[in-house]
Amino acid sequence: MTHKTEELLNKLQERTESILQKAIQEWQLLPPEQLSVKPGPDKWSPAQCLDHLNFYGHHYLPAIEKAIKAAKGRNGIPVEVFKSGWLGQYFTQLMLPQPGGGLKSTMKAPKNAVPAAEPEPLATLAEFMEQQERMLQLLEAARAVNLNTIRVPISLSPWIRLRLGDTFGFVVAHNERHVLQLEKGLLLYPKILANLVQSTP
């Protein structure tokens, strides 16, 4: 699959900005306990969803920044068209929510990416917001390099590397996947709270 580089980066910035604005305008105004309540016994709370995403940010944001700086040092030249690799496209499509808000498949998080049992909600949210701001900066910096030739190691293995354009696409799709999960949890909060009140003797 091919994309015009400028259009791809614009869309990724718009999608990231949309997530950041949700966090600023909606989530940080919520009471901390609403971010901490699990929608079910085996479900993640909204704060756990953010903690999981922050783990990926810890890996990908520094790795992307390092790769971009190295490319600039080699005088890498941007190109008009980005061609997605088959593996990068597969990972991105696997994560991407469907137009109606559903998911293609469910999957277990890797052991090292399982969120804390009770992450501090406000600190976790603040870190997530900082990561989205940094992602926007990196997407802007990527306009000066070649998205095809730069490779970024994935979080599961340093030996598997995706093209920079695919790395951005995967991270943003993964964020959107768990933002959808987070918002479903928030919508269930009134029902969960009502059940807790009814069960209190």
N, C-alpha and C. Protein backbone atom coordinates (compact mmCIF):
# COMPACT_ATOMS: atom_id res chain seq x y z
N MET A 1 0.84 -1.19 0.00
CA MET A 1 0.00 0.00 0.00
C MET A 1 0.88 1.24 0.00
N THR A 2 0.53 2.21 -0.83
CA THR A 2 1.31 3.44 -0.90
C THR A 2 0.49 4.63 -0.40
N HIS A 3 1.19 5.62 0.13
CA HIS A 3 0.55 6.83 0.64
C HIS A 3 1.39 8.03 0.23
N LYS A 4 0.74 9.14 -0.03
CA LYS A 4 1.48 10.38 -0.17
C LYS A 4 2.00 10.75 1.22
N THR A 5 3.29 10.96 1.32
CA THR A 5 3.92 11.15 2.63
C THR A 5 3.27 12.29 3.42
N GLU A 6 3.06 13.42 2.79
CA GLU A 6 2.50 14.57 3.51
C GLU A 6 1.09 14.27 4.00
N GLU A 7 0.28 13.62 3.17
CA GLU A 7 -1.08 13.29 3.57
C GLU A 7 -1.09 12.29 4.72
N LEU A 8 -0.18 11.31 4.67
CA LEU A 8 -0.11 10.32 5.74
C LEU A 8 0.24 10.98 7.07
N LEU A 9 1.25 11.83 7.06
CA LEU A 9 1.66 12.50 8.30
C LEU A 9 0.58 13.44 8.81
N ASN A 10 -0.11 14.11 7.89
CA ASN A 10 -1.21 14.98 8.31
C ASN A 10 -2.31 14.19 9.01
N LYS A 11 -2.69 13.05 8.44
CA LYS A 11 -3.75 12.22 9.02
C LYS A 11 -3.34 11.66 10.38
N LEU A 12 -2.08 11.22 10.48
CA LEU A 12 -1.61 10.69 11.75
C LEU A 12 -1.57 11.77 12.83
N GLN A 13 -1.21 12.98 12.43
CA GLN A 13 -1.23 14.10 13.38
C GLN A 13 -2.66 14.41 13.81
N GLU A 14 -3.59 14.40 12.87
CA GLU A 14 -4.98 14.68 13.20
C GLU A 14 -5.54 13.64 14.16
N ARG A 15 -5.22 12.38 13.93
CA ARG A 15 -5.72 11.31 14.79
C ARG A 15 -5.11 11.39 16.19
N THR A 16 -3.83 11.73 16.24
CA THR A 16 -3.17 11.88 17.54
C THR A 16 -3.70 13.09 18.29
N GLU A 17 -3.92 14.17 17.57
CA GLU A 17 -4.47 15.39 18.18
C GLU A 17 -5.87 15.13 18.72
N SER A 18 -6.65 14.32 18.01
CA SER A 18 -7.99 13.98 18.47
C SER A 18 -7.95 13.23 19.80
N ILE A 19 -7.01 12.30 19.93
CA ILE A 19 -6.86 11.57 21.18
C ILE A 19 -6.43 12.51 22.29
N LEU A 20 -5.46 13.38 22.00
CA LEU A 20 -4.97 14.31 23.01
C LEU A 20 -6.08 15.23 23.49
N GLN A 21 -6.92 15.71 22.59
CA GLN A 21 -8.00 16.60 22.97
C GLN A 21 -9.04 15.90 23.83
N LYS A 22 -9.29 14.62 23.57
CA LYS A 22 -10.18 13.85 24.45
C LYS A 22 -9.63 13.84 25.87
N ALA A 23 -8.32 13.59 25.98
CA ALA A 23 -7.69 13.54 27.30
C ALA A 23 -7.77 14.89 28.01
N ILE A 24 -7.54 15.97 27.27
CA ILE A 24 -7.54 17.31 27.86
C ILE A 24 -8.95 17.77 28.23
N GLN A 25 -9.87 17.60 27.30
CA GLN A 25 -11.20 18.18 27.46
C GLN A 25 -12.19 17.29 28.20
N GLU A 26 -11.90 15.99 28.26
CA GLU A 26 -12.85 15.07 28.88
C GLU A 26 -12.25 14.30 30.06
N TRP A 27 -11.21 13.52 29.79
CA TRP A 27 -10.75 12.57 30.80
C TRP A 27 -10.15 13.23 32.03
N GLN A 28 -9.41 14.32 31.85
CA GLN A 28 -8.77 14.92 33.02
C GLN A 28 -9.76 15.69 33.90
N LEU A 29 -10.99 15.85 33.41
CA LEU A 29 -12.04 16.49 34.21
C LEU A 29 -12.83 15.49 35.04
N LEU A 30 -12.59 14.20 34.82
CA LEU A 30 -13.32 13.16 35.53
C LEU A 30 -12.74 12.94 36.92
N PRO A 31 -13.57 12.48 37.86
CA PRO A 31 -13.03 12.12 39.18
C PRO A 31 -12.08 10.93 39.04
N PRO A 32 -10.98 10.92 39.79
CA PRO A 32 -9.99 9.84 39.67
C PRO A 32 -10.58 8.45 39.81
N GLU A 33 -11.59 8.31 40.67
CA GLU A 33 -12.17 6.98 40.88
C GLU A 33 -12.85 6.44 39.62
N GLN A 34 -13.36 7.34 38.78
CA GLN A 34 -14.00 6.88 37.55
C GLN A 34 -12.97 6.27 36.59
N LEU A 35 -11.75 6.78 36.63
CA LEU A 35 -10.69 6.24 35.79
C LEU A 35 -10.15 4.92 36.36
N SER A 36 -10.45 4.65 37.63
CA SER A 36 -9.87 3.48 38.30
C SER A 36 -10.79 2.27 38.36
N VAL A 37 -12.07 2.45 38.02
CA VAL A 37 -13.03 1.36 38.15
C VAL A 37 -12.96 0.44 36.93
N LYS A 38 -12.88 -0.85 37.19
CA LYS A 38 -12.89 -1.85 36.12
C LYS A 38 -14.32 -2.13 35.68
N PRO A 39 -14.56 -2.21 34.37
CA PRO A 39 -15.92 -2.51 33.90
C PRO A 39 -16.32 -3.96 34.10
N GLY A 40 -15.39 -4.82 34.48
CA GLY A 40 -15.67 -6.24 34.71
C GLY A 40 -14.49 -6.88 35.41
N PRO A 41 -14.68 -8.08 35.96
CA PRO A 41 -13.61 -8.75 36.72
C PRO A 41 -12.32 -8.95 35.92
N ASP A 42 -12.43 -9.26 34.66
CA ASP A 42 -11.26 -9.52 33.82
C ASP A 42 -11.00 -8.40 32.82
N LYS A 43 -11.55 -7.23 33.12
CA LYS A 43 -11.39 -6.08 32.21
C LYS A 43 -10.43 -5.06 32.82
N TRP A 44 -9.82 -4.28 31.96
CA TRP A 44 -8.94 -3.20 32.43
C TRP A 44 -9.75 -1.95 32.74
N SER A 45 -9.35 -1.26 33.78
CA SER A 45 -9.92 0.06 34.06
C SER A 45 -9.39 1.06 33.03
N PRO A 46 -10.03 2.22 32.90
CA PRO A 46 -9.48 3.25 32.00
C PRO A 46 -8.03 3.59 32.32
N ALA A 47 -7.70 3.68 33.61
CA ALA A 47 -6.32 4.00 33.99
C ALA A 47 -5.36 2.89 33.56
N GLN A 48 -5.80 1.64 33.62
CA GLN A 48 -4.95 0.53 33.17
C GLN A 48 -4.74 0.58 31.66
N CYS A 49 -5.78 0.98 30.91
CA CYS A 49 -5.62 1.13 29.46
C CYS A 49 -4.53 2.16 29.17
N LEU A 50 -4.55 3.27 29.91
CA LEU A 50 -3.54 4.31 29.71
C LEU A 50 -2.16 3.83 30.14
N ASP A 51 -2.10 3.08 31.21
CA ASP A 51 -0.82 2.55 31.68
C ASP A 51 -0.20 1.62 30.63
N HIS A 52 -1.04 0.81 30.02
CA HIS A 52 -0.60 -0.08 28.94
C HIS A 52 -0.05 0.73 27.76
N LEU A 53 -0.75 1.78 27.38
CA LEU A 53 -0.30 2.61 26.27
C LEU A 53 1.00 3.33 26.62
N ASN A 54 1.13 3.74 27.87
CA ASN A 54 2.36 4.41 28.29
C ASN A 54 3.56 3.48 28.17
N PHE A 55 3.35 2.20 28.43
CA PHE A 55 4.46 1.24 28.27
C PHE A 55 4.96 1.27 26.83
N TYR A 56 4.05 1.25 25.88
CA TYR A 56 4.46 1.27 24.48
C TYR A 56 5.13 2.59 24.13
N GLY A 57 4.62 3.67 24.72
CA GLY A 57 5.26 4.96 24.50
C GLY A 57 6.68 4.99 25.00
N HIS A 58 6.95 4.31 26.12
CA HIS A 58 8.31 4.26 26.67
C HIS A 58 9.27 3.62 25.68
N HIS A 59 8.78 2.68 24.89
CA HIS A 59 9.64 2.04 23.90
C HIS A 59 9.71 2.83 22.60
N TYR A 60 8.54 3.13 22.04
CA TYR A 60 8.52 3.64 20.66
C TYR A 60 8.93 5.10 20.54
N LEU A 61 8.57 5.94 21.48
CA LEU A 61 8.91 7.36 21.32
C LEU A 61 10.42 7.59 21.31
N PRO A 62 11.19 7.04 22.26
CA PRO A 62 12.65 7.22 22.19
C PRO A 62 13.26 6.54 20.96
N ALA A 63 12.71 5.38 20.58
CA ALA A 63 13.25 4.66 19.42
C ALA A 63 13.01 5.45 18.13
N ILE A 64 11.83 6.05 18.00
CA ILE A 64 11.53 6.87 16.83
C ILE A 64 12.42 8.11 16.80
N GLU A 65 12.55 8.76 17.95
CA GLU A 65 13.38 9.97 18.02
C GLU A 65 14.84 9.66 17.65
N LYS A 66 15.35 8.56 18.17
CA LYS A 66 16.72 8.15 17.86
C LYS A 66 16.90 7.90 16.37
N ALA A 67 15.92 7.22 15.76
CA ALA A 67 16.01 6.89 14.34
C ALA A 67 15.95 8.14 13.47
N ILE A 68 15.10 9.09 13.85
CA ILE A 68 14.99 10.33 13.08
C ILE A 68 16.28 11.15 13.18
N LYS A 69 16.83 11.24 14.38
CA LYS A 69 18.08 11.99 14.56
C LYS A 69 19.21 11.37 13.76
N ALA A 70 19.27 10.03 13.76
CA ALA A 70 20.32 9.35 13.00
C ALA A 70 20.16 9.61 11.51
N ALA A 71 18.92 9.61 11.03
CA ALA A 71 18.67 9.85 9.61
C ALA A 71 19.05 11.28 9.22
N LYS A 72 18.74 12.23 10.08
CA LYS A 72 19.11 13.62 9.80
C LYS A 72 20.63 13.77 9.76
N GLY A 73 21.32 13.01 10.62
CA GLY A 73 22.77 13.06 10.62
C GLY A 73 23.37 12.51 9.34
N ARG A 74 22.63 11.64 8.66
CA ARG A 74 23.09 11.08 7.39
C ARG A 74 22.55 11.88 6.20
N ASN A 75 21.93 13.03 6.53
CA ASN A 75 21.33 13.87 5.49
C ASN A 75 20.26 13.11 4.70
N GLY A 76 19.43 12.36 5.44
CA GLY A 76 18.34 11.64 4.78
C GLY A 76 17.38 12.61 4.11
N ILE A 77 16.93 12.26 2.93
CA ILE A 77 16.07 13.16 2.14
C ILE A 77 14.64 12.62 2.13
N PRO A 78 13.65 13.45 2.47
CA PRO A 78 12.25 12.98 2.43
C PRO A 78 11.81 12.66 1.01
N VAL A 79 10.82 11.77 0.91
CA VAL A 79 10.28 11.39 -0.40
C VAL A 79 8.78 11.67 -0.40
N GLU A 80 8.22 11.82 -1.61
CA GLU A 80 6.81 12.18 -1.73
C GLU A 80 5.87 11.02 -1.42
N VAL A 81 6.34 9.78 -1.63
CA VAL A 81 5.47 8.62 -1.46
C VAL A 81 6.07 7.65 -0.44
N PHE A 82 5.22 7.20 0.48
CA PHE A 82 5.62 6.16 1.43
C PHE A 82 4.97 4.85 1.02
N LYS A 83 5.77 3.80 0.96
CA LYS A 83 5.25 2.47 0.64
C LYS A 83 5.31 1.60 1.89
N SER A 84 4.14 1.20 2.35
CA SER A 84 4.05 0.39 3.56
C SER A 84 4.61 -1.01 3.32
N GLY A 85 5.36 -1.54 4.31
CA GLY A 85 5.84 -2.91 4.25
C GLY A 85 4.72 -3.87 4.62
N TRP A 86 4.84 -5.13 4.21
CA TRP A 86 3.75 -6.07 4.47
C TRP A 86 3.55 -6.32 5.96
N LEU A 87 4.67 -6.39 6.72
CA LEU A 87 4.55 -6.67 8.15
C LEU A 87 4.00 -5.46 8.89
N GLY A 88 4.48 -4.29 8.53
CA GLY A 88 3.97 -3.08 9.17
C GLY A 88 2.49 -2.87 8.90
N GLN A 89 2.09 -3.13 7.66
CA GLN A 89 0.69 -2.99 7.30
C GLN A 89 -0.17 -4.02 8.05
N TYR A 90 0.36 -5.23 8.20
CA TYR A 90 -0.38 -6.28 8.92
C TYR A 90 -0.59 -5.89 10.38
N PHE A 91 0.49 -5.45 11.04
CA PHE A 91 0.39 -5.06 12.46
C PHE A 91 -0.59 -3.90 12.64
N THR A 92 -0.52 -2.93 11.75
CA THR A 92 -1.39 -1.75 11.86
C THR A 92 -2.85 -2.14 11.68
N GLN A 93 -3.14 -2.93 10.66
CA GLN A 93 -4.53 -3.34 10.40
C GLN A 93 -5.06 -4.21 11.53
N LEU A 94 -4.18 -4.99 12.15
CA LEU A 94 -4.58 -5.84 13.27
C LEU A 94 -5.06 -5.01 14.45
N MET A 95 -4.41 -3.85 14.66
CA MET A 95 -4.74 -2.99 15.79
C MET A 95 -5.90 -2.05 15.52
N LEU A 96 -6.08 -1.66 14.29
CA LEU A 96 -6.99 -0.59 13.93
C LEU A 96 -8.45 -0.94 14.24
N PRO A 97 -9.15 -0.09 14.98
CA PRO A 97 -10.59 -0.32 15.19
C PRO A 97 -11.35 -0.23 13.88
N GLN A 98 -12.46 -0.96 13.79
CA GLN A 98 -13.31 -0.93 12.61
C GLN A 98 -14.11 0.37 12.57
N PRO A 99 -14.62 0.75 11.40
CA PRO A 99 -15.39 2.00 11.29
C PRO A 99 -16.54 2.10 12.29
N GLY A 100 -17.18 0.97 12.61
CA GLY A 100 -18.29 1.00 13.56
C GLY A 100 -17.85 0.98 15.02
N GLY A 101 -16.54 0.92 15.26
CA GLY A 101 -16.03 0.92 16.62
C GLY A 101 -15.68 -0.46 17.15
N GLY A 102 -15.89 -1.50 16.35
CA GLY A 102 -15.52 -2.85 16.79
C GLY A 102 -14.06 -3.14 16.52
N LEU A 103 -13.62 -4.32 16.96
CA LEU A 103 -12.25 -4.75 16.76
C LEU A 103 -12.22 -6.03 15.95
N LYS A 104 -11.21 -6.16 15.10
CA LYS A 104 -11.09 -7.36 14.28
C LYS A 104 -10.87 -8.60 15.15
N SER A 105 -10.09 -8.43 16.20
CA SER A 105 -9.76 -9.57 17.05
C SER A 105 -9.36 -9.08 18.43
N THR A 106 -9.47 -9.97 19.39
CA THR A 106 -8.98 -9.67 20.73
C THR A 106 -7.67 -10.42 20.93
N MET A 107 -6.82 -9.88 21.78
CA MET A 107 -5.52 -10.51 22.01
C MET A 107 -5.03 -10.18 23.41
N LYS A 108 -4.21 -11.06 23.93
CA LYS A 108 -3.63 -10.83 25.25
C LYS A 108 -2.40 -9.95 25.11
N ALA A 109 -2.23 -9.06 26.07
CA ALA A 109 -1.06 -8.20 26.06
C ALA A 109 0.17 -9.02 26.42
N PRO A 110 1.34 -8.72 25.85
CA PRO A 110 2.57 -9.38 26.27
C PRO A 110 2.78 -9.18 27.77
N LYS A 111 3.43 -10.12 28.41
CA LYS A 111 3.60 -10.07 29.87
C LYS A 111 4.23 -8.76 30.34
N ASN A 112 5.19 -8.25 29.56
CA ASN A 112 5.87 -7.03 30.01
C ASN A 112 5.05 -5.77 29.73
N ALA A 113 3.89 -5.93 29.08
CA ALA A 113 3.04 -4.78 28.78
C ALA A 113 1.73 -4.82 29.56
N VAL A 114 1.59 -5.77 30.47
CA VAL A 114 0.39 -5.84 31.31
C VAL A 114 0.43 -4.67 32.29
N PRO A 115 -0.64 -3.88 32.38
CA PRO A 115 -0.61 -2.70 33.25
C PRO A 115 -0.57 -3.06 34.73
N ALA A 116 -0.20 -2.08 35.53
CA ALA A 116 -0.22 -2.25 36.98
C ALA A 116 -1.65 -2.53 37.44
N ALA A 117 -1.78 -3.20 38.57
CA ALA A 117 -3.11 -3.55 39.08
C ALA A 117 -3.93 -2.30 39.40
N GLU A 118 -3.27 -1.29 39.97
CA GLU A 118 -3.97 -0.06 40.34
C GLU A 118 -3.07 1.15 40.06
N PRO A 119 -2.89 1.50 38.79
CA PRO A 119 -2.07 2.67 38.49
C PRO A 119 -2.71 3.95 39.02
N GLU A 120 -1.89 4.89 39.45
CA GLU A 120 -2.41 6.17 39.94
C GLU A 120 -3.04 6.90 38.75
N PRO A 121 -4.34 7.14 38.76
CA PRO A 121 -5.03 7.59 37.55
C PRO A 121 -4.57 8.93 36.99
N LEU A 122 -4.41 9.93 37.85
CA LEU A 122 -4.07 11.26 37.34
C LEU A 122 -2.64 11.32 36.81
N ALA A 123 -1.72 10.67 37.51
CA ALA A 123 -0.33 10.65 37.05
C ALA A 123 -0.21 9.87 35.74
N THR A 124 -0.95 8.78 35.65
CA THR A 124 -0.93 7.97 34.43
C THR A 124 -1.49 8.75 33.25
N LEU A 125 -2.58 9.47 33.49
CA LEU A 125 -3.19 10.29 32.44
C LEU A 125 -2.25 11.41 32.02
N ALA A 126 -1.61 12.06 32.98
CA ALA A 126 -0.68 13.15 32.66
C ALA A 126 0.47 12.66 31.79
N GLU A 127 0.99 11.48 32.12
CA GLU A 127 2.08 10.92 31.31
C GLU A 127 1.59 10.60 29.90
N PHE A 128 0.39 10.06 29.79
CA PHE A 128 -0.16 9.75 28.48
C PHE A 128 -0.29 11.01 27.63
N MET A 129 -0.75 12.09 28.23
CA MET A 129 -0.90 13.34 27.50
C MET A 129 0.45 13.87 27.03
N GLU A 130 1.44 13.76 27.88
CA GLU A 130 2.79 14.18 27.49
C GLU A 130 3.30 13.35 26.32
N GLN A 131 2.99 12.06 26.34
CA GLN A 131 3.43 11.19 25.24
C GLN A 131 2.75 11.58 23.93
N GLN A 132 1.49 11.95 23.98
CA GLN A 132 0.80 12.34 22.74
C GLN A 132 1.36 13.64 22.18
N GLU A 133 1.73 14.55 23.06
CA GLU A 133 2.36 15.79 22.62
C GLU A 133 3.71 15.50 21.97
N ARG A 134 4.45 14.57 22.56
CA ARG A 134 5.74 14.19 21.98
C ARG A 134 5.55 13.49 20.63
N MET A 135 4.53 12.67 20.51
CA MET A 135 4.24 12.01 19.24
C MET A 135 3.96 13.04 18.15
N LEU A 136 3.21 14.08 18.47
CA LEU A 136 2.93 15.13 17.50
C LEU A 136 4.23 15.80 17.04
N GLN A 137 5.14 16.02 17.96
CA GLN A 137 6.43 16.63 17.63
C GLN A 137 7.24 15.72 16.72
N LEU A 138 7.21 14.42 17.00
CA LEU A 138 7.97 13.47 16.18
C LEU A 138 7.37 13.34 14.78
N LEU A 139 6.06 13.37 14.68
CA LEU A 139 5.42 13.33 13.37
C LEU A 139 5.81 14.56 12.54
N GLU A 140 5.94 15.69 13.20
CA GLU A 140 6.37 16.89 12.50
C GLU A 140 7.84 16.76 12.07
N ALA A 141 8.67 16.24 12.96
CA ALA A 141 10.09 16.06 12.63
C ALA A 141 10.28 15.08 11.48
N ALA A 142 9.36 14.12 11.35
CA ALA A 142 9.47 13.09 10.32
C ALA A 142 9.30 13.65 8.92
N ARG A 143 8.79 14.87 8.80
CA ARG A 143 8.62 15.48 7.48
C ARG A 143 9.97 15.74 6.80
N ALA A 144 11.03 15.73 7.60
CA ALA A 144 12.36 16.06 7.05
C ALA A 144 13.18 14.82 6.71
N VAL A 145 12.59 13.61 6.86
CA VAL A 145 13.35 12.39 6.61
C VAL A 145 12.57 11.44 5.70
N ASN A 146 13.21 10.35 5.33
CA ASN A 146 12.61 9.36 4.43
C ASN A 146 11.91 8.28 5.26
N LEU A 147 10.60 8.23 5.19
CA LEU A 147 9.83 7.26 5.98
C LEU A 147 10.05 5.83 5.51
N ASN A 148 10.54 5.65 4.30
CA ASN A 148 10.75 4.31 3.74
C ASN A 148 12.03 3.65 4.24
N THR A 149 13.09 4.43 4.36
CA THR A 149 14.40 3.84 4.64
C THR A 149 14.71 3.72 6.12
N ILE A 150 14.07 4.51 6.96
CA ILE A 150 14.33 4.46 8.41
C ILE A 150 13.60 3.26 9.00
N ARG A 151 14.28 2.51 9.84
CA ARG A 151 13.71 1.34 10.48
C ARG A 151 13.71 1.53 12.00
N VAL A 152 12.62 1.06 12.64
CA VAL A 152 12.47 1.17 14.10
C VAL A 152 12.18 -0.21 14.66
N PRO A 153 12.94 -0.65 15.68
CA PRO A 153 12.69 -1.98 16.26
C PRO A 153 11.35 -2.02 17.00
N ILE A 154 10.63 -3.13 16.88
CA ILE A 154 9.37 -3.27 17.59
C ILE A 154 9.63 -3.60 19.06
N SER A 155 8.63 -3.49 19.87
CA SER A 155 8.81 -3.69 21.32
C SER A 155 9.05 -5.15 21.68
N LEU A 156 8.60 -6.08 20.83
CA LEU A 156 8.73 -7.50 21.15
C LEU A 156 10.12 -8.05 20.84
N SER A 157 10.82 -7.43 19.88
CA SER A 157 12.12 -7.95 19.47
C SER A 157 12.95 -6.86 18.80
N PRO A 158 14.21 -6.69 19.23
CA PRO A 158 15.07 -5.69 18.58
C PRO A 158 15.47 -6.11 17.18
N TRP A 159 15.23 -7.36 16.83
CA TRP A 159 15.64 -7.87 15.52
C TRP A 159 14.59 -7.62 14.44
N ILE A 160 13.36 -7.33 14.86
CA ILE A 160 12.30 -7.03 13.89
C ILE A 160 12.12 -5.52 13.84
N ARG A 161 12.29 -4.96 12.66
CA ARG A 161 12.22 -3.52 12.50
C ARG A 161 11.18 -3.15 11.43
N LEU A 162 10.40 -2.14 11.73
CA LEU A 162 9.40 -1.64 10.80
C LEU A 162 9.85 -0.32 10.20
N ARG A 163 9.38 -0.05 9.00
CA ARG A 163 9.63 1.25 8.40
C ARG A 163 9.02 2.34 9.29
N LEU A 164 9.63 3.50 9.27
CA LEU A 164 9.17 4.58 10.16
C LEU A 164 7.70 4.91 9.94
N GLY A 165 7.27 4.97 8.68
CA GLY A 165 5.87 5.26 8.40
C GLY A 165 4.94 4.22 8.99
N ASP A 166 5.35 2.96 8.92
CA ASP A 166 4.54 1.88 9.50
C ASP A 166 4.57 1.93 11.02
N THR A 167 5.70 2.31 11.59
CA THR A 167 5.80 2.41 13.05
C THR A 167 4.82 3.45 13.57
N PHE A 168 4.80 4.61 12.93
CA PHE A 168 3.84 5.64 13.31
C PHE A 168 2.41 5.11 13.18
N GLY A 169 2.11 4.45 12.07
CA GLY A 169 0.77 3.94 11.84
C GLY A 169 0.35 2.92 12.89
N PHE A 170 1.27 2.03 13.25
CA PHE A 170 0.98 1.01 14.26
C PHE A 170 0.72 1.65 15.62
N VAL A 171 1.58 2.58 16.04
CA VAL A 171 1.44 3.18 17.37
C VAL A 171 0.13 3.95 17.48
N VAL A 172 -0.22 4.71 16.45
CA VAL A 172 -1.46 5.48 16.50
C VAL A 172 -2.67 4.54 16.50
N ALA A 173 -2.64 3.49 15.68
CA ALA A 173 -3.74 2.52 15.66
C ALA A 173 -3.87 1.81 17.00
N HIS A 174 -2.75 1.47 17.62
CA HIS A 174 -2.76 0.81 18.93
C HIS A 174 -3.34 1.75 19.98
N ASN A 175 -2.97 3.04 19.91
CA ASN A 175 -3.57 4.02 20.82
C ASN A 175 -5.08 4.07 20.64
N GLU A 176 -5.53 4.13 19.39
CA GLU A 176 -6.96 4.22 19.12
C GLU A 176 -7.70 2.98 19.61
N ARG A 177 -7.08 1.84 19.48
CA ARG A 177 -7.68 0.58 19.93
C ARG A 177 -8.00 0.64 21.43
N HIS A 178 -7.05 1.10 22.22
CA HIS A 178 -7.24 1.10 23.67
C HIS A 178 -7.99 2.34 24.16
N VAL A 179 -7.99 3.40 23.38
CA VAL A 179 -8.87 4.53 23.70
C VAL A 179 -10.32 4.09 23.57
N LEU A 180 -10.61 3.30 22.56
CA LEU A 180 -11.96 2.75 22.39
C LEU A 180 -12.33 1.89 23.61
N GLN A 181 -11.41 1.05 24.05
CA GLN A 181 -11.62 0.22 25.24
C GLN A 181 -11.84 1.10 26.47
N LEU A 182 -11.03 2.14 26.61
CA LEU A 182 -11.13 3.06 27.74
C LEU A 182 -12.50 3.73 27.78
N GLU A 183 -12.95 4.21 26.62
CA GLU A 183 -14.22 4.94 26.58
C GLU A 183 -15.41 4.03 26.86
N LYS A 184 -15.31 2.78 26.45
CA LYS A 184 -16.38 1.83 26.78
C LYS A 184 -16.46 1.66 28.29
N GLY A 185 -15.30 1.61 28.94
CA GLY A 185 -15.28 1.50 30.39
C GLY A 185 -15.90 2.72 31.07
N LEU A 186 -15.62 3.91 30.54
CA LEU A 186 -16.18 5.13 31.10
C LEU A 186 -17.70 5.16 30.96
N LEU A 187 -18.20 4.67 29.84
CA LEU A 187 -19.65 4.67 29.61
C LEU A 187 -20.38 3.75 30.58
N LEU A 188 -19.67 2.69 31.03
CA LEU A 188 -20.30 1.73 31.95
C LEU A 188 -20.24 2.19 33.40
N TYR A 189 -19.51 3.26 33.68
CA TYR A 189 -19.30 3.69 35.07
C TYR A 189 -20.59 3.95 35.84
N PRO A 190 -21.57 4.68 35.27
CA PRO A 190 -22.81 4.91 36.03
C PRO A 190 -23.50 3.61 36.44
N LYS A 191 -23.51 2.63 35.54
CA LYS A 191 -24.14 1.35 35.84
C LYS A 191 -23.38 0.61 36.93
N ILE A 192 -22.04 0.64 36.85
CA ILE A 192 -21.21 -0.02 37.86
C ILE A 192 -21.43 0.63 39.22
N LEU A 193 -21.47 1.96 39.24
CA LEU A 193 -21.66 2.70 40.49
C LEU A 193 -23.02 2.38 41.09
N ALA A 194 -24.04 2.31 40.24
CA ALA A 194 -25.40 2.00 40.74
C ALA A 194 -25.44 0.60 41.35
N ASN A 195 -24.77 -0.35 40.73
CA ASN A 195 -24.73 -1.72 41.24
C ASN A 195 -24.01 -1.77 42.59
N LEU A 196 -22.96 -0.96 42.73
CA LEU A 196 -22.22 -0.94 43.99
C LEU A 196 -23.09 -0.38 45.11
N VAL A 197 -23.86 0.65 44.79
CA VAL A 197 -24.74 1.26 45.80
C VAL A 197 -25.82 0.28 46.22
N GLN A 198 -26.39 -0.45 45.26
CA GLN A 198 -27.44 -1.41 45.56
C GLN A 198 -26.93 -2.58 46.40
N SER A 199 -25.67 -2.96 46.17
CA SER A 199 -25.12 -4.10 46.90
C SER A 199 -24.59 -3.73 48.28
N THR A 200 -24.53 -2.42 48.58
CA THR A 200 -24.02 -1.99 49.89
C THR A 200 -25.11 -2.18 50.94
N PRO A 201 -24.78 -2.93 52.02
CA PRO A 201 -25.80 -3.17 53.06
C PRO A 201 -26.18 -1.90 53.81
